């Protein structure tokens, strides 16, 4: 459990570092292409305050892919964000925890009005676990109103059937 806490803390710090470094802005505002390239018409980034859940799902999936989680399925409803992802190869439990923190933070920031975030982890397309976190708990932790121990204890963790 201590490793899980450390992993979440490190992943949360990494997420905050990435968010503050402007990587998300760079994602929505790519550099100008060289002259002569075919350029699609410019578009506005999705309005994350709108009720368009498909745009929010695409945004979450794109941000996860941008950060190395390429195999994911995101479903957004008015009260929930569900992220199913195939765990990329990791060297330690800390790496796996970083992925969970990245998914949790990205989902909460993109769909702030949701009640909960469910993260289903798969390894080689086999279900392993599901974590459900209240979005309000994430923001309470982010704002310093809840310490990491209480935050992690607020998670609902289920182990899913895993067969080799």
N, C-alpha and C. Protein backbone atom coordinates (compact mmCIF):
# COMPACT_ATOMS: atom_id res chain seq x y z
N UNK A 1 0.83 -1.19 0.00
CA UNK A 1 0.00 0.00 0.00
C UNK A 1 0.87 1.25 0.00
N UNK A 2 2.03 1.19 0.67
CA UNK A 2 2.91 2.34 0.71
C UNK A 2 3.46 2.64 -0.68
N UNK A 3 3.77 1.58 -1.45
CA UNK A 3 4.25 1.78 -2.80
C UNK A 3 3.18 2.43 -3.65
N UNK A 4 1.94 2.03 -3.45
CA UNK A 4 0.83 2.60 -4.18
C UNK A 4 0.68 4.08 -3.86
N UNK A 5 0.84 4.43 -2.61
CA UNK A 5 0.74 5.82 -2.19
C UNK A 5 1.88 6.64 -2.81
N UNK A 6 3.09 6.09 -2.76
CA UNK A 6 4.23 6.78 -3.34
C UNK A 6 4.03 6.98 -4.84
N UNK A 7 3.55 5.93 -5.50
CA UNK A 7 3.34 6.00 -6.93
C UNK A 7 2.31 7.06 -7.27
N UNK A 8 1.23 7.11 -6.51
CA UNK A 8 0.20 8.11 -6.79
C UNK A 8 0.77 9.51 -6.57
N UNK A 9 1.49 9.69 -5.50
CA UNK A 9 2.06 11.01 -5.20
C UNK A 9 2.99 11.45 -6.32
N UNK A 10 3.86 10.55 -6.76
CA UNK A 10 4.80 10.88 -7.83
C UNK A 10 4.04 11.17 -9.12
N UNK A 11 3.01 10.37 -9.41
CA UNK A 11 2.24 10.59 -10.64
C UNK A 11 1.49 11.91 -10.58
N UNK A 12 0.97 12.25 -9.42
CA UNK A 12 0.26 13.51 -9.27
C UNK A 12 1.21 14.68 -9.48
N UNK A 13 2.40 14.58 -8.91
CA UNK A 13 3.39 15.63 -9.11
C UNK A 13 3.79 15.74 -10.57
N UNK A 14 3.94 14.60 -11.23
CA UNK A 14 4.29 14.59 -12.64
C UNK A 14 3.17 15.23 -13.47
N UNK A 15 1.94 14.91 -13.15
CA UNK A 15 0.81 15.50 -13.86
C UNK A 15 0.78 17.01 -13.68
N UNK A 16 0.99 17.47 -12.46
CA UNK A 16 1.00 18.91 -12.21
C UNK A 16 2.16 19.58 -12.94
N UNK A 17 3.31 18.91 -13.00
CA UNK A 17 4.47 19.45 -13.70
C UNK A 17 4.17 19.56 -15.20
N UNK A 18 3.57 18.52 -15.76
CA UNK A 18 3.23 18.54 -17.18
C UNK A 18 2.21 19.64 -17.46
N UNK A 19 1.20 19.75 -16.62
CA UNK A 19 0.16 20.76 -16.82
C UNK A 19 0.74 22.17 -16.71
N UNK A 20 1.66 22.37 -15.77
CA UNK A 20 2.21 23.72 -15.59
C UNK A 20 3.28 24.05 -16.62
N UNK A 21 3.83 23.04 -17.29
CA UNK A 21 4.88 23.31 -18.26
C UNK A 21 4.34 23.72 -19.62
N UNK A 22 3.04 23.62 -19.80
CA UNK A 22 2.44 24.06 -21.05
C UNK A 22 2.29 22.97 -22.08
N UNK A 23 2.54 21.72 -21.73
CA UNK A 23 2.40 20.63 -22.69
C UNK A 23 0.97 20.52 -23.21
N UNK A 24 0.01 20.77 -22.34
CA UNK A 24 -1.38 20.68 -22.79
C UNK A 24 -1.66 21.80 -23.77
N UNK A 25 -1.14 23.01 -23.51
CA UNK A 25 -1.31 24.11 -24.46
C UNK A 25 -0.63 23.78 -25.78
N UNK A 26 0.55 23.17 -25.74
CA UNK A 26 1.24 22.78 -26.96
C UNK A 26 0.43 21.77 -27.75
N UNK A 27 -0.30 20.90 -27.05
CA UNK A 27 -1.11 19.89 -27.72
C UNK A 27 -2.21 20.56 -28.54
N UNK A 28 -2.85 21.59 -27.97
CA UNK A 28 -3.94 22.26 -28.67
C UNK A 28 -3.45 23.33 -29.63
N UNK A 29 -2.22 23.79 -29.51
CA UNK A 29 -1.67 24.82 -30.36
C UNK A 29 -0.34 24.34 -30.95
N UNK A 30 -0.40 23.42 -31.93
CA UNK A 30 0.85 22.89 -32.48
C UNK A 30 1.60 23.96 -33.27
N UNK A 31 2.91 23.76 -33.47
CA UNK A 31 3.68 24.74 -34.23
C UNK A 31 3.22 24.80 -35.68
N UNK A 32 3.52 25.90 -36.35
CA UNK A 32 3.14 26.07 -37.75
C UNK A 32 3.91 25.07 -38.62
N UNK A 33 3.23 24.44 -39.60
CA UNK A 33 3.93 23.50 -40.48
C UNK A 33 4.82 24.25 -41.46
N UNK A 34 5.84 23.57 -42.01
CA UNK A 34 6.70 24.22 -42.99
C UNK A 34 5.89 24.61 -44.24
N UNK A 35 6.34 25.63 -44.99
CA UNK A 35 5.61 26.04 -46.19
C UNK A 35 5.53 24.88 -47.19
N UNK A 36 4.40 24.80 -47.88
CA UNK A 36 4.22 23.76 -48.88
C UNK A 36 3.49 22.53 -48.36
N UNK A 37 3.38 22.36 -47.05
CA UNK A 37 2.65 21.23 -46.51
C UNK A 37 1.16 21.46 -46.64
N UNK A 38 0.43 20.37 -46.79
CA UNK A 38 -1.03 20.47 -46.81
C UNK A 38 -1.49 20.61 -45.37
N UNK A 39 -2.23 21.68 -45.12
CA UNK A 39 -2.64 21.99 -43.76
C UNK A 39 -4.15 21.93 -43.67
N UNK A 40 -4.69 21.15 -42.71
CA UNK A 40 -6.14 21.15 -42.54
C UNK A 40 -6.59 22.51 -42.02
N UNK A 41 -7.85 22.89 -42.27
CA UNK A 41 -8.31 24.18 -41.77
C UNK A 41 -8.19 24.24 -40.25
N UNK A 42 -7.82 25.42 -39.74
CA UNK A 42 -7.68 25.52 -38.29
C UNK A 42 -9.02 25.34 -37.60
N UNK A 43 -8.98 24.70 -36.46
CA UNK A 43 -10.20 24.49 -35.69
C UNK A 43 -9.98 24.93 -34.27
N UNK A 44 -11.04 25.17 -33.61
CA UNK A 44 -10.98 25.55 -32.21
C UNK A 44 -10.86 24.29 -31.36
N UNK A 45 -10.07 24.33 -30.29
CA UNK A 45 -10.07 23.17 -29.39
C UNK A 45 -11.46 23.02 -28.79
N UNK A 46 -11.82 21.81 -28.40
CA UNK A 46 -13.16 21.60 -27.88
C UNK A 46 -13.44 22.45 -26.65
N UNK A 47 -14.67 22.91 -26.54
CA UNK A 47 -15.11 23.67 -25.37
C UNK A 47 -15.41 22.67 -24.26
N UNK A 48 -14.51 22.58 -23.29
CA UNK A 48 -14.64 21.56 -22.25
C UNK A 48 -15.77 21.86 -21.29
N UNK A 49 -16.34 23.05 -21.35
CA UNK A 49 -17.46 23.37 -20.47
C UNK A 49 -18.79 22.98 -21.10
N UNK A 50 -18.76 22.59 -22.37
CA UNK A 50 -20.00 22.22 -23.04
C UNK A 50 -20.45 20.85 -22.57
N UNK A 51 -21.64 20.47 -22.96
CA UNK A 51 -22.17 19.16 -22.59
C UNK A 51 -21.86 18.10 -23.61
N UNK A 52 -20.97 18.40 -24.58
CA UNK A 52 -20.67 17.43 -25.63
C UNK A 52 -19.72 16.36 -25.09
N UNK A 53 -20.30 15.25 -24.72
CA UNK A 53 -19.52 14.20 -24.06
C UNK A 53 -18.58 13.50 -25.03
N UNK A 54 -18.95 13.44 -26.32
CA UNK A 54 -18.05 12.83 -27.30
C UNK A 54 -16.75 13.63 -27.41
N UNK A 55 -16.85 14.95 -27.42
CA UNK A 55 -15.65 15.78 -27.49
C UNK A 55 -14.78 15.59 -26.25
N UNK A 56 -15.41 15.47 -25.10
CA UNK A 56 -14.65 15.26 -23.87
C UNK A 56 -13.94 13.91 -23.91
N UNK A 57 -14.63 12.89 -24.40
CA UNK A 57 -14.02 11.56 -24.49
C UNK A 57 -12.83 11.59 -25.45
N UNK A 58 -12.99 12.24 -26.58
CA UNK A 58 -11.89 12.34 -27.55
C UNK A 58 -10.72 13.12 -26.95
N UNK A 59 -11.03 14.18 -26.23
CA UNK A 59 -9.97 14.98 -25.60
C UNK A 59 -9.19 14.16 -24.58
N UNK A 60 -9.92 13.43 -23.73
CA UNK A 60 -9.24 12.59 -22.72
C UNK A 60 -8.38 11.55 -23.41
N UNK A 61 -8.94 10.88 -24.42
CA UNK A 61 -8.19 9.84 -25.11
C UNK A 61 -6.96 10.40 -25.81
N UNK A 62 -7.08 11.58 -26.40
CA UNK A 62 -5.94 12.19 -27.08
C UNK A 62 -4.84 12.57 -26.09
N UNK A 63 -5.24 13.14 -24.95
CA UNK A 63 -4.24 13.51 -23.93
C UNK A 63 -3.55 12.28 -23.35
N UNK A 64 -4.30 11.20 -23.16
CA UNK A 64 -3.68 9.96 -22.66
C UNK A 64 -2.70 9.41 -23.69
N UNK A 65 -3.11 9.40 -24.95
CA UNK A 65 -2.23 8.91 -26.01
C UNK A 65 -0.98 9.77 -26.11
N UNK A 66 -1.15 11.07 -25.99
CA UNK A 66 -0.02 12.01 -26.02
C UNK A 66 0.97 11.70 -24.91
N UNK A 67 0.48 11.14 -23.80
CA UNK A 67 1.34 10.82 -22.65
C UNK A 67 1.70 9.34 -22.56
N UNK A 68 1.51 8.58 -23.65
CA UNK A 68 2.00 7.21 -23.71
C UNK A 68 1.00 6.12 -23.44
N UNK A 69 -0.25 6.46 -23.17
CA UNK A 69 -1.28 5.43 -22.97
C UNK A 69 -2.07 5.36 -24.26
N UNK A 70 -1.58 4.53 -25.20
CA UNK A 70 -2.13 4.50 -26.55
C UNK A 70 -3.38 3.63 -26.67
N UNK A 71 -3.46 2.57 -25.89
CA UNK A 71 -4.59 1.65 -26.01
C UNK A 71 -5.60 1.94 -24.91
N UNK A 72 -6.54 2.84 -25.23
CA UNK A 72 -7.56 3.17 -24.24
C UNK A 72 -8.90 3.38 -24.93
N UNK A 73 -9.94 3.19 -24.15
CA UNK A 73 -11.31 3.45 -24.59
C UNK A 73 -11.93 4.34 -23.52
N UNK A 74 -12.48 5.47 -23.93
CA UNK A 74 -13.02 6.44 -22.99
C UNK A 74 -14.50 6.64 -23.29
N UNK A 75 -15.31 6.55 -22.25
CA UNK A 75 -16.74 6.82 -22.37
C UNK A 75 -17.09 7.87 -21.32
N UNK A 76 -17.75 8.94 -21.77
CA UNK A 76 -18.12 10.03 -20.88
C UNK A 76 -19.63 10.18 -20.87
N UNK A 77 -20.20 10.21 -19.67
CA UNK A 77 -21.62 10.50 -19.51
C UNK A 77 -21.73 11.71 -18.58
N UNK A 78 -22.96 12.12 -18.30
CA UNK A 78 -23.13 13.30 -17.46
C UNK A 78 -22.57 13.10 -16.06
N UNK A 79 -22.60 11.86 -15.54
CA UNK A 79 -22.16 11.64 -14.16
C UNK A 79 -20.90 10.79 -14.03
N UNK A 80 -20.30 10.35 -15.14
CA UNK A 80 -19.17 9.43 -15.02
C UNK A 80 -18.22 9.53 -16.20
N UNK A 81 -16.94 9.30 -15.90
CA UNK A 81 -15.93 9.08 -16.93
C UNK A 81 -15.43 7.66 -16.72
N UNK A 82 -15.52 6.84 -17.76
CA UNK A 82 -15.01 5.48 -17.71
C UNK A 82 -13.83 5.38 -18.67
N UNK A 83 -12.68 4.98 -18.14
CA UNK A 83 -11.49 4.79 -18.97
C UNK A 83 -11.06 3.33 -18.83
N UNK A 84 -11.08 2.64 -19.95
CA UNK A 84 -10.54 1.27 -20.01
C UNK A 84 -9.24 1.36 -20.79
N UNK A 85 -8.17 0.87 -20.17
CA UNK A 85 -6.88 0.97 -20.87
C UNK A 85 -6.07 -0.29 -20.68
N UNK A 86 -5.30 -0.60 -21.71
CA UNK A 86 -4.39 -1.72 -21.68
C UNK A 86 -3.07 -1.21 -21.13
N UNK A 87 -2.67 -1.74 -19.97
CA UNK A 87 -1.47 -1.27 -19.26
C UNK A 87 -0.24 -1.44 -20.15
N UNK A 88 0.44 -0.33 -20.48
CA UNK A 88 1.70 -0.46 -21.23
C UNK A 88 2.73 -1.19 -20.36
N UNK A 89 3.77 -1.74 -20.96
CA UNK A 89 4.80 -2.41 -20.17
C UNK A 89 5.38 -1.45 -19.13
N UNK A 90 5.51 -1.95 -17.90
CA UNK A 90 6.04 -1.13 -16.82
C UNK A 90 7.20 -1.85 -16.15
N UNK A 91 8.07 -1.06 -15.52
CA UNK A 91 9.23 -1.63 -14.83
C UNK A 91 8.95 -1.86 -13.35
N UNK A 92 7.93 -1.17 -12.81
CA UNK A 92 7.64 -1.31 -11.39
C UNK A 92 6.19 -0.93 -11.13
N UNK A 93 5.76 -1.16 -9.89
CA UNK A 93 4.42 -0.76 -9.49
C UNK A 93 4.27 0.76 -9.54
N UNK A 94 5.38 1.46 -9.31
CA UNK A 94 5.34 2.92 -9.37
C UNK A 94 4.94 3.41 -10.75
N UNK A 95 5.45 2.76 -11.81
CA UNK A 95 5.08 3.15 -13.17
C UNK A 95 3.58 2.93 -13.40
N UNK A 96 3.06 1.81 -12.92
CA UNK A 96 1.63 1.54 -13.07
C UNK A 96 0.80 2.59 -12.33
N UNK A 97 1.26 2.98 -11.18
CA UNK A 97 0.55 3.98 -10.39
C UNK A 97 0.58 5.35 -11.08
N UNK A 98 1.69 5.64 -11.76
CA UNK A 98 1.78 6.88 -12.53
C UNK A 98 0.70 6.93 -13.61
N UNK A 99 0.47 5.81 -14.26
CA UNK A 99 -0.57 5.75 -15.28
C UNK A 99 -1.94 6.04 -14.67
N UNK A 100 -2.21 5.46 -13.52
CA UNK A 100 -3.50 5.68 -12.86
C UNK A 100 -3.66 7.16 -12.50
N UNK A 101 -2.61 7.76 -11.96
CA UNK A 101 -2.67 9.17 -11.61
C UNK A 101 -2.88 10.06 -12.82
N UNK A 102 -2.22 9.72 -13.92
CA UNK A 102 -2.39 10.49 -15.15
C UNK A 102 -3.82 10.39 -15.66
N UNK A 103 -4.36 9.19 -15.67
CA UNK A 103 -5.74 8.99 -16.14
C UNK A 103 -6.71 9.72 -15.23
N UNK A 104 -6.52 9.58 -13.94
CA UNK A 104 -7.41 10.22 -12.97
C UNK A 104 -7.38 11.74 -13.11
N UNK A 105 -6.21 12.32 -13.15
CA UNK A 105 -6.09 13.77 -13.25
C UNK A 105 -6.63 14.30 -14.57
N UNK A 106 -6.31 13.64 -15.67
CA UNK A 106 -6.79 14.08 -16.98
C UNK A 106 -8.31 14.03 -17.04
N UNK A 107 -8.89 12.93 -16.58
CA UNK A 107 -10.35 12.76 -16.62
C UNK A 107 -11.05 13.80 -15.75
N UNK A 108 -10.51 14.05 -14.57
CA UNK A 108 -11.14 15.01 -13.65
C UNK A 108 -11.08 16.42 -14.20
N UNK A 109 -9.95 16.79 -14.79
CA UNK A 109 -9.81 18.15 -15.31
C UNK A 109 -10.68 18.38 -16.54
N UNK A 110 -10.77 17.39 -17.42
CA UNK A 110 -11.56 17.55 -18.64
C UNK A 110 -13.06 17.53 -18.34
N UNK A 111 -13.51 16.65 -17.44
CA UNK A 111 -14.95 16.56 -17.13
C UNK A 111 -15.15 16.80 -15.64
N UNK A 112 -15.04 18.06 -15.25
CA UNK A 112 -15.08 18.44 -13.84
C UNK A 112 -16.46 18.24 -13.23
N UNK A 113 -17.51 18.17 -14.04
CA UNK A 113 -18.87 18.04 -13.52
C UNK A 113 -19.27 16.59 -13.25
N UNK A 114 -18.39 15.64 -13.54
CA UNK A 114 -18.75 14.24 -13.32
C UNK A 114 -18.77 13.92 -11.82
N UNK A 115 -19.52 12.90 -11.46
CA UNK A 115 -19.58 12.47 -10.06
C UNK A 115 -18.42 11.54 -9.73
N UNK A 116 -18.03 10.71 -10.71
CA UNK A 116 -17.00 9.72 -10.43
C UNK A 116 -16.19 9.42 -11.69
N UNK A 117 -15.03 8.83 -11.44
CA UNK A 117 -14.15 8.38 -12.52
C UNK A 117 -13.87 6.91 -12.26
N UNK A 118 -14.13 6.09 -13.27
CA UNK A 118 -13.83 4.65 -13.17
C UNK A 118 -12.69 4.34 -14.13
N UNK A 119 -11.68 3.67 -13.60
CA UNK A 119 -10.52 3.28 -14.40
C UNK A 119 -10.43 1.76 -14.38
N UNK A 120 -10.57 1.16 -15.55
CA UNK A 120 -10.45 -0.29 -15.66
C UNK A 120 -9.13 -0.61 -16.34
N UNK A 121 -8.29 -1.37 -15.65
CA UNK A 121 -6.97 -1.72 -16.15
C UNK A 121 -6.98 -3.12 -16.74
N UNK A 122 -6.39 -3.25 -17.91
CA UNK A 122 -6.24 -4.53 -18.58
C UNK A 122 -4.76 -4.77 -18.82
N UNK A 123 -4.36 -6.03 -18.79
CA UNK A 123 -3.00 -6.42 -19.16
C UNK A 123 -3.14 -7.44 -20.27
N UNK A 124 -2.54 -7.15 -21.41
CA UNK A 124 -2.69 -8.00 -22.60
C UNK A 124 -4.16 -8.28 -22.89
N UNK A 125 -4.97 -7.25 -22.76
CA UNK A 125 -6.40 -7.27 -23.06
C UNK A 125 -7.22 -8.15 -22.11
N UNK A 126 -6.64 -8.52 -20.97
CA UNK A 126 -7.37 -9.27 -19.94
C UNK A 126 -7.63 -8.33 -18.77
N UNK A 127 -8.88 -8.31 -18.24
CA UNK A 127 -9.20 -7.39 -17.14
C UNK A 127 -8.44 -7.74 -15.86
N UNK A 128 -7.94 -6.70 -15.18
CA UNK A 128 -7.17 -6.89 -13.96
C UNK A 128 -7.84 -6.19 -12.77
N UNK A 129 -8.13 -4.90 -12.92
CA UNK A 129 -8.68 -4.16 -11.78
C UNK A 129 -9.55 -3.00 -12.23
N UNK A 130 -10.35 -2.52 -11.29
CA UNK A 130 -11.17 -1.33 -11.53
C UNK A 130 -11.06 -0.45 -10.30
N UNK A 131 -10.79 0.83 -10.53
CA UNK A 131 -10.71 1.82 -9.45
C UNK A 131 -11.80 2.85 -9.72
N UNK A 132 -12.60 3.13 -8.70
CA UNK A 132 -13.62 4.18 -8.81
C UNK A 132 -13.29 5.26 -7.79
N UNK A 133 -13.23 6.50 -8.28
CA UNK A 133 -12.87 7.64 -7.44
C UNK A 133 -13.90 8.74 -7.66
N UNK A 134 -14.36 9.33 -6.58
CA UNK A 134 -15.26 10.48 -6.70
C UNK A 134 -14.45 11.67 -7.21
N UNK A 135 -14.99 12.34 -8.19
CA UNK A 135 -14.30 13.51 -8.75
C UNK A 135 -14.09 14.58 -7.69
N UNK A 136 -15.07 14.73 -6.81
CA UNK A 136 -14.93 15.73 -5.74
C UNK A 136 -13.77 15.39 -4.81
N UNK A 137 -13.50 14.09 -4.58
CA UNK A 137 -12.36 13.70 -3.75
C UNK A 137 -11.04 14.07 -4.42
N UNK A 138 -10.99 13.90 -5.76
CA UNK A 138 -9.77 14.28 -6.48
C UNK A 138 -9.49 15.77 -6.29
N UNK A 139 -10.52 16.60 -6.47
CA UNK A 139 -10.31 18.04 -6.34
C UNK A 139 -10.02 18.45 -4.90
N UNK A 140 -10.62 17.74 -3.93
CA UNK A 140 -10.30 18.03 -2.53
C UNK A 140 -8.83 17.72 -2.25
N UNK A 141 -8.34 16.62 -2.80
CA UNK A 141 -6.92 16.28 -2.63
C UNK A 141 -6.03 17.31 -3.34
N UNK A 142 -6.40 17.67 -4.56
CA UNK A 142 -5.61 18.63 -5.32
C UNK A 142 -5.53 19.99 -4.62
N UNK A 143 -6.62 20.39 -3.98
CA UNK A 143 -6.65 21.68 -3.29
C UNK A 143 -6.07 21.61 -1.88
N UNK A 144 -5.62 20.44 -1.44
CA UNK A 144 -5.01 20.30 -0.12
C UNK A 144 -6.00 20.11 1.01
N UNK A 145 -7.27 19.89 0.66
CA UNK A 145 -8.29 19.70 1.68
C UNK A 145 -8.32 18.26 2.20
N UNK A 146 -7.61 17.36 1.52
CA UNK A 146 -7.56 15.95 1.89
C UNK A 146 -6.13 15.48 1.69
N UNK A 147 -5.59 14.76 2.68
CA UNK A 147 -4.23 14.26 2.50
C UNK A 147 -4.24 13.00 1.63
N UNK A 148 -3.06 12.57 1.20
CA UNK A 148 -2.97 11.45 0.28
C UNK A 148 -3.52 10.17 0.87
N UNK A 149 -3.27 9.92 2.16
CA UNK A 149 -3.77 8.70 2.79
C UNK A 149 -5.30 8.63 2.72
N UNK A 150 -5.96 9.72 3.10
CA UNK A 150 -7.43 9.74 3.04
C UNK A 150 -7.92 9.64 1.61
N UNK A 151 -7.21 10.28 0.69
CA UNK A 151 -7.61 10.24 -0.70
C UNK A 151 -7.57 8.82 -1.24
N UNK A 152 -6.47 8.13 -1.01
CA UNK A 152 -6.35 6.76 -1.51
C UNK A 152 -7.33 5.83 -0.82
N UNK A 153 -7.60 6.05 0.47
CA UNK A 153 -8.59 5.24 1.18
C UNK A 153 -10.01 5.46 0.64
N UNK A 154 -10.25 6.61 0.00
CA UNK A 154 -11.57 6.89 -0.54
C UNK A 154 -11.83 6.15 -1.86
N UNK A 155 -10.80 5.57 -2.43
CA UNK A 155 -10.95 4.84 -3.68
C UNK A 155 -11.69 3.52 -3.45
N UNK A 156 -12.47 3.13 -4.40
CA UNK A 156 -13.11 1.81 -4.39
C UNK A 156 -12.33 0.95 -5.38
N UNK A 157 -11.67 -0.08 -4.88
CA UNK A 157 -10.82 -0.93 -5.72
C UNK A 157 -11.44 -2.31 -5.84
N UNK A 158 -11.58 -2.78 -7.07
CA UNK A 158 -12.08 -4.13 -7.33
C UNK A 158 -11.07 -4.85 -8.20
N UNK A 159 -10.78 -6.07 -7.82
CA UNK A 159 -9.95 -6.90 -8.69
C UNK A 159 -10.88 -7.63 -9.63
N UNK A 160 -10.59 -7.54 -10.91
CA UNK A 160 -11.41 -8.20 -11.91
C UNK A 160 -10.84 -9.58 -12.20
N UNK A 161 -11.61 -10.48 -12.73
CA UNK A 161 -11.08 -11.82 -13.03
C UNK A 161 -9.89 -11.71 -13.98
N UNK A 162 -8.83 -12.35 -13.61
CA UNK A 162 -7.61 -12.36 -14.43
C UNK A 162 -7.18 -13.81 -14.61
N UNK A 163 -7.21 -14.25 -15.85
CA UNK A 163 -6.83 -15.64 -16.15
C UNK A 163 -5.65 -15.62 -17.10
N UNK A 164 -4.71 -16.53 -16.87
CA UNK A 164 -3.57 -16.62 -17.77
C UNK A 164 -3.78 -17.73 -18.76
